[in-house]
Amino acid sequence: MREMSYQEAEGKALKVLVDGIGEALVLEGEGGFYALYYFFGLYGLKAPHPEETPDWVEGPKPSPEGFRHPYDQARWLEENGYHLFINESK
């Protein structure tokens, strides 16, 4: 799942969570359901490039429900020590 392009994942998505940070595409895979997060909004883009691979993959879970929206997932990642971007102006 980690190497799946946005274009490929979009065609297989059972559910799409969208907000200003990006998209989470929920797919069924080996062992359950996965959310592939594409955080293109952090880079000032309005959509991911078709060949872009996910920034984060969550799963497997037993159900396609319960995955966070991209903004909430980005906040969770930062709160848990994962840095999504660096403000080089500081």
N, C-alpha and C. Protein backbone atom coordinates (compact mmCIF):
# COMPACT_ATOMS: atom_id res chain seq x y z
N MET A 1 0.82 -1.20 0.00
CA MET A 1 0.00 0.00 0.00
C MET A 1 0.87 1.27 0.00
N ARG A 2 2.02 1.18 0.67
CA ARG A 2 2.88 2.36 0.82
C ARG A 2 3.38 2.89 -0.51
N GLU A 3 3.51 2.04 -1.50
CA GLU A 3 4.03 2.44 -2.81
C GLU A 3 2.94 2.70 -3.85
N MET A 4 1.68 2.61 -3.44
CA MET A 4 0.57 2.78 -4.38
C MET A 4 0.41 4.25 -4.76
N SER A 5 0.35 4.53 -6.05
CA SER A 5 0.19 5.91 -6.51
C SER A 5 -1.22 6.41 -6.20
N TYR A 6 -1.36 7.72 -6.14
CA TYR A 6 -2.67 8.33 -5.89
C TYR A 6 -3.67 7.88 -6.95
N GLN A 7 -3.26 7.88 -8.20
CA GLN A 7 -4.14 7.51 -9.30
C GLN A 7 -4.66 6.08 -9.13
N GLU A 8 -3.79 5.17 -8.77
CA GLU A 8 -4.19 3.78 -8.57
C GLU A 8 -5.10 3.64 -7.35
N ALA A 9 -4.74 4.30 -6.24
CA ALA A 9 -5.53 4.22 -5.01
C ALA A 9 -6.91 4.85 -5.18
N GLU A 10 -6.97 5.96 -5.90
CA GLU A 10 -8.24 6.65 -6.11
C GLU A 10 -9.24 5.74 -6.80
N GLY A 11 -8.78 4.95 -7.75
CA GLY A 11 -9.66 4.03 -8.47
C GLY A 11 -10.17 2.88 -7.63
N LYS A 12 -9.49 2.56 -6.52
CA LYS A 12 -9.86 1.45 -5.66
C LYS A 12 -10.50 1.89 -4.35
N ALA A 13 -10.58 3.19 -4.11
CA ALA A 13 -11.04 3.71 -2.82
C ALA A 13 -12.50 3.36 -2.56
N LEU A 14 -12.75 2.88 -1.36
CA LEU A 14 -14.12 2.61 -0.90
C LEU A 14 -14.72 3.85 -0.27
N LYS A 15 -13.85 4.71 0.24
CA LYS A 15 -14.27 5.92 0.94
C LYS A 15 -13.17 6.96 0.78
N VAL A 16 -13.56 8.24 0.68
CA VAL A 16 -12.60 9.34 0.54
C VAL A 16 -12.92 10.38 1.60
N LEU A 17 -11.90 10.73 2.41
CA LEU A 17 -12.03 11.79 3.41
C LEU A 17 -11.21 12.96 2.90
N VAL A 18 -11.86 14.13 2.76
CA VAL A 18 -11.22 15.30 2.15
C VAL A 18 -11.35 16.50 3.06
N ASP A 19 -10.27 17.28 3.16
CA ASP A 19 -10.31 18.58 3.82
C ASP A 19 -9.19 19.44 3.24
N GLY A 20 -8.91 20.58 3.83
CA GLY A 20 -7.93 21.52 3.28
C GLY A 20 -6.49 21.05 3.31
N ILE A 21 -6.19 20.02 4.08
CA ILE A 21 -4.83 19.49 4.18
C ILE A 21 -4.57 18.44 3.10
N GLY A 22 -5.59 17.68 2.74
CA GLY A 22 -5.39 16.63 1.74
C GLY A 22 -6.55 15.67 1.65
N GLU A 23 -6.21 14.42 1.32
CA GLU A 23 -7.20 13.36 1.18
C GLU A 23 -6.71 12.10 1.85
N ALA A 24 -7.67 11.35 2.39
CA ALA A 24 -7.41 10.01 2.89
C ALA A 24 -8.28 9.08 2.05
N LEU A 25 -7.64 8.15 1.36
CA LEU A 25 -8.35 7.18 0.56
C LEU A 25 -8.38 5.87 1.33
N VAL A 26 -9.58 5.35 1.60
CA VAL A 26 -9.73 4.13 2.37
C VAL A 26 -9.92 2.97 1.40
N LEU A 27 -9.05 1.97 1.54
CA LEU A 27 -9.06 0.80 0.66
C LEU A 27 -9.07 -0.47 1.49
N GLU A 28 -9.54 -1.54 0.87
CA GLU A 28 -9.45 -2.85 1.50
C GLU A 28 -8.20 -3.54 0.99
N GLY A 29 -7.45 -4.11 1.91
CA GLY A 29 -6.20 -4.78 1.55
C GLY A 29 -5.99 -6.00 2.39
N GLU A 30 -4.80 -6.52 2.35
CA GLU A 30 -4.46 -7.72 3.09
C GLU A 30 -4.61 -7.47 4.59
N GLY A 31 -5.46 -8.22 5.23
CA GLY A 31 -5.65 -8.11 6.67
C GLY A 31 -6.66 -7.09 7.13
N GLY A 32 -7.28 -6.34 6.23
CA GLY A 32 -8.29 -5.36 6.65
C GLY A 32 -8.33 -4.13 5.78
N PHE A 33 -8.66 -3.01 6.40
CA PHE A 33 -8.83 -1.74 5.70
C PHE A 33 -7.68 -0.80 6.05
N TYR A 34 -7.29 0.00 5.07
CA TYR A 34 -6.18 0.94 5.21
C TYR A 34 -6.62 2.32 4.74
N ALA A 35 -6.04 3.35 5.35
CA ALA A 35 -6.22 4.72 4.88
C ALA A 35 -4.87 5.20 4.35
N LEU A 36 -4.86 5.66 3.12
CA LEU A 36 -3.67 6.22 2.49
C LEU A 36 -3.84 7.73 2.51
N TYR A 37 -2.95 8.42 3.23
CA TYR A 37 -3.05 9.86 3.40
C TYR A 37 -2.12 10.59 2.44
N TYR A 38 -2.69 11.53 1.72
CA TYR A 38 -1.95 12.39 0.79
C TYR A 38 -2.12 13.82 1.29
N PHE A 39 -1.05 14.41 1.85
CA PHE A 39 -1.10 15.74 2.47
C PHE A 39 -0.65 16.83 1.49
N PHE A 40 -1.23 16.89 0.33
CA PHE A 40 -0.81 17.85 -0.70
C PHE A 40 -1.08 19.30 -0.33
N GLY A 41 -2.08 19.57 0.50
CA GLY A 41 -2.40 20.93 0.90
C GLY A 41 -1.28 21.59 1.70
N LEU A 42 -0.47 20.79 2.38
CA LEU A 42 0.66 21.33 3.13
C LEU A 42 1.70 21.94 2.20
N TYR A 43 1.69 21.51 0.95
CA TYR A 43 2.67 21.99 -0.04
C TYR A 43 2.09 23.05 -0.95
N GLY A 44 0.89 23.54 -0.60
CA GLY A 44 0.26 24.58 -1.40
C GLY A 44 -0.41 24.09 -2.66
N LEU A 45 -0.60 22.78 -2.79
CA LEU A 45 -1.24 22.21 -3.98
C LEU A 45 -2.74 22.05 -3.74
N LYS A 46 -3.49 22.05 -4.82
CA LYS A 46 -4.94 21.86 -4.73
C LYS A 46 -5.34 20.40 -4.96
N ALA A 47 -4.41 19.60 -5.46
CA ALA A 47 -4.64 18.18 -5.70
C ALA A 47 -3.29 17.48 -5.76
N PRO A 48 -3.26 16.20 -5.42
CA PRO A 48 -1.99 15.47 -5.50
C PRO A 48 -1.65 15.15 -6.95
N HIS A 49 -0.37 14.96 -7.21
CA HIS A 49 0.05 14.50 -8.52
C HIS A 49 -0.40 13.04 -8.67
N PRO A 50 -0.82 12.63 -9.86
CA PRO A 50 -1.32 11.26 -10.05
C PRO A 50 -0.34 10.17 -9.61
N GLU A 51 0.96 10.41 -9.75
CA GLU A 51 1.95 9.39 -9.41
C GLU A 51 2.46 9.49 -7.97
N GLU A 52 1.92 10.44 -7.20
CA GLU A 52 2.35 10.65 -5.81
C GLU A 52 2.03 9.43 -4.96
N THR A 53 2.97 9.03 -4.10
CA THR A 53 2.73 7.95 -3.15
C THR A 53 2.24 8.57 -1.84
N PRO A 54 1.58 7.80 -0.99
CA PRO A 54 1.02 8.37 0.23
C PRO A 54 2.09 8.88 1.19
N ASP A 55 1.74 9.94 1.92
CA ASP A 55 2.62 10.48 2.94
C ASP A 55 2.55 9.63 4.21
N TRP A 56 1.42 8.99 4.43
CA TRP A 56 1.23 8.16 5.62
C TRP A 56 0.20 7.09 5.30
N VAL A 57 0.39 5.89 5.83
CA VAL A 57 -0.56 4.79 5.68
C VAL A 57 -0.94 4.31 7.07
N GLU A 58 -2.23 4.18 7.31
CA GLU A 58 -2.74 3.69 8.59
C GLU A 58 -3.52 2.41 8.36
N GLY A 59 -3.34 1.44 9.20
CA GLY A 59 -4.08 0.19 9.10
C GLY A 59 -3.16 -0.99 9.35
N PRO A 60 -3.69 -2.17 9.31
CA PRO A 60 -5.07 -2.52 8.97
C PRO A 60 -6.03 -2.36 10.15
N LYS A 61 -7.26 -2.07 9.81
CA LYS A 61 -8.36 -2.01 10.76
C LYS A 61 -9.45 -2.96 10.28
N PRO A 62 -10.30 -3.45 11.17
CA PRO A 62 -11.33 -4.41 10.77
C PRO A 62 -12.49 -3.80 9.98
N SER A 63 -12.59 -2.48 9.98
CA SER A 63 -13.71 -1.79 9.34
C SER A 63 -13.19 -0.56 8.59
N PRO A 64 -13.91 -0.12 7.55
CA PRO A 64 -13.50 1.11 6.86
C PRO A 64 -13.85 2.38 7.64
N GLU A 65 -14.50 2.22 8.78
CA GLU A 65 -14.89 3.36 9.61
C GLU A 65 -13.79 3.66 10.62
N GLY A 66 -13.79 4.86 11.14
CA GLY A 66 -12.90 5.21 12.23
C GLY A 66 -11.56 5.81 11.82
N PHE A 67 -11.32 6.01 10.55
CA PHE A 67 -10.10 6.68 10.13
C PHE A 67 -10.27 8.18 10.28
N ARG A 68 -9.19 8.87 10.60
CA ARG A 68 -9.23 10.32 10.80
C ARG A 68 -9.25 11.06 9.45
N HIS A 69 -9.82 12.27 9.47
CA HIS A 69 -9.70 13.16 8.32
C HIS A 69 -8.24 13.62 8.23
N PRO A 70 -7.78 14.03 7.07
CA PRO A 70 -6.37 14.41 6.90
C PRO A 70 -5.87 15.45 7.92
N TYR A 71 -6.65 16.48 8.19
CA TYR A 71 -6.21 17.50 9.16
C TYR A 71 -5.98 16.87 10.53
N ASP A 72 -6.93 16.06 10.98
CA ASP A 72 -6.81 15.42 12.29
C ASP A 72 -5.63 14.46 12.32
N GLN A 73 -5.39 13.75 11.22
CA GLN A 73 -4.26 12.83 11.16
C GLN A 73 -2.94 13.59 11.18
N ALA A 74 -2.85 14.70 10.46
CA ALA A 74 -1.63 15.52 10.46
C ALA A 74 -1.33 16.04 11.87
N ARG A 75 -2.37 16.49 12.58
CA ARG A 75 -2.18 16.96 13.96
C ARG A 75 -1.71 15.83 14.86
N TRP A 76 -2.32 14.64 14.70
CA TRP A 76 -1.92 13.49 15.50
C TRP A 76 -0.45 13.14 15.24
N LEU A 77 -0.05 13.15 13.99
CA LEU A 77 1.34 12.84 13.65
C LEU A 77 2.30 13.82 14.32
N GLU A 78 1.99 15.11 14.24
CA GLU A 78 2.86 16.12 14.84
C GLU A 78 2.89 15.99 16.37
N GLU A 79 1.74 15.71 16.97
CA GLU A 79 1.68 15.54 18.43
C GLU A 79 2.48 14.33 18.89
N ASN A 80 2.69 13.37 17.99
CA ASN A 80 3.40 12.15 18.33
C ASN A 80 4.82 12.10 17.75
N GLY A 81 5.35 13.27 17.43
CA GLY A 81 6.76 13.37 17.06
C GLY A 81 7.09 13.24 15.59
N TYR A 82 6.10 13.13 14.74
CA TYR A 82 6.35 13.07 13.30
C TYR A 82 6.23 14.47 12.73
N HIS A 83 7.26 14.96 12.08
CA HIS A 83 7.24 16.31 11.53
C HIS A 83 6.92 16.25 10.05
N LEU A 84 5.82 16.86 9.66
CA LEU A 84 5.36 16.81 8.27
C LEU A 84 6.03 17.86 7.41
N PHE A 85 6.45 18.95 8.01
CA PHE A 85 7.11 19.99 7.24
C PHE A 85 7.99 20.82 8.18
N ILE A 86 8.94 21.52 7.63
CA ILE A 86 9.83 22.36 8.41
C ILE A 86 9.69 23.79 7.90
N ASN A 87 9.44 24.71 8.80
CA ASN A 87 9.34 26.12 8.44
C ASN A 87 10.75 26.68 8.39
N GLU A 88 11.32 26.78 7.21
CA GLU A 88 12.70 27.22 7.06
C GLU A 88 12.87 28.72 7.21
N SER A 89 11.78 29.46 7.39
CA SER A 89 11.89 30.91 7.55
C SER A 89 12.33 31.28 8.96
N LYS A 90 12.32 30.31 9.90
CA LYS A 90 12.72 30.59 11.29
C LYS A 90 14.19 30.36 11.48
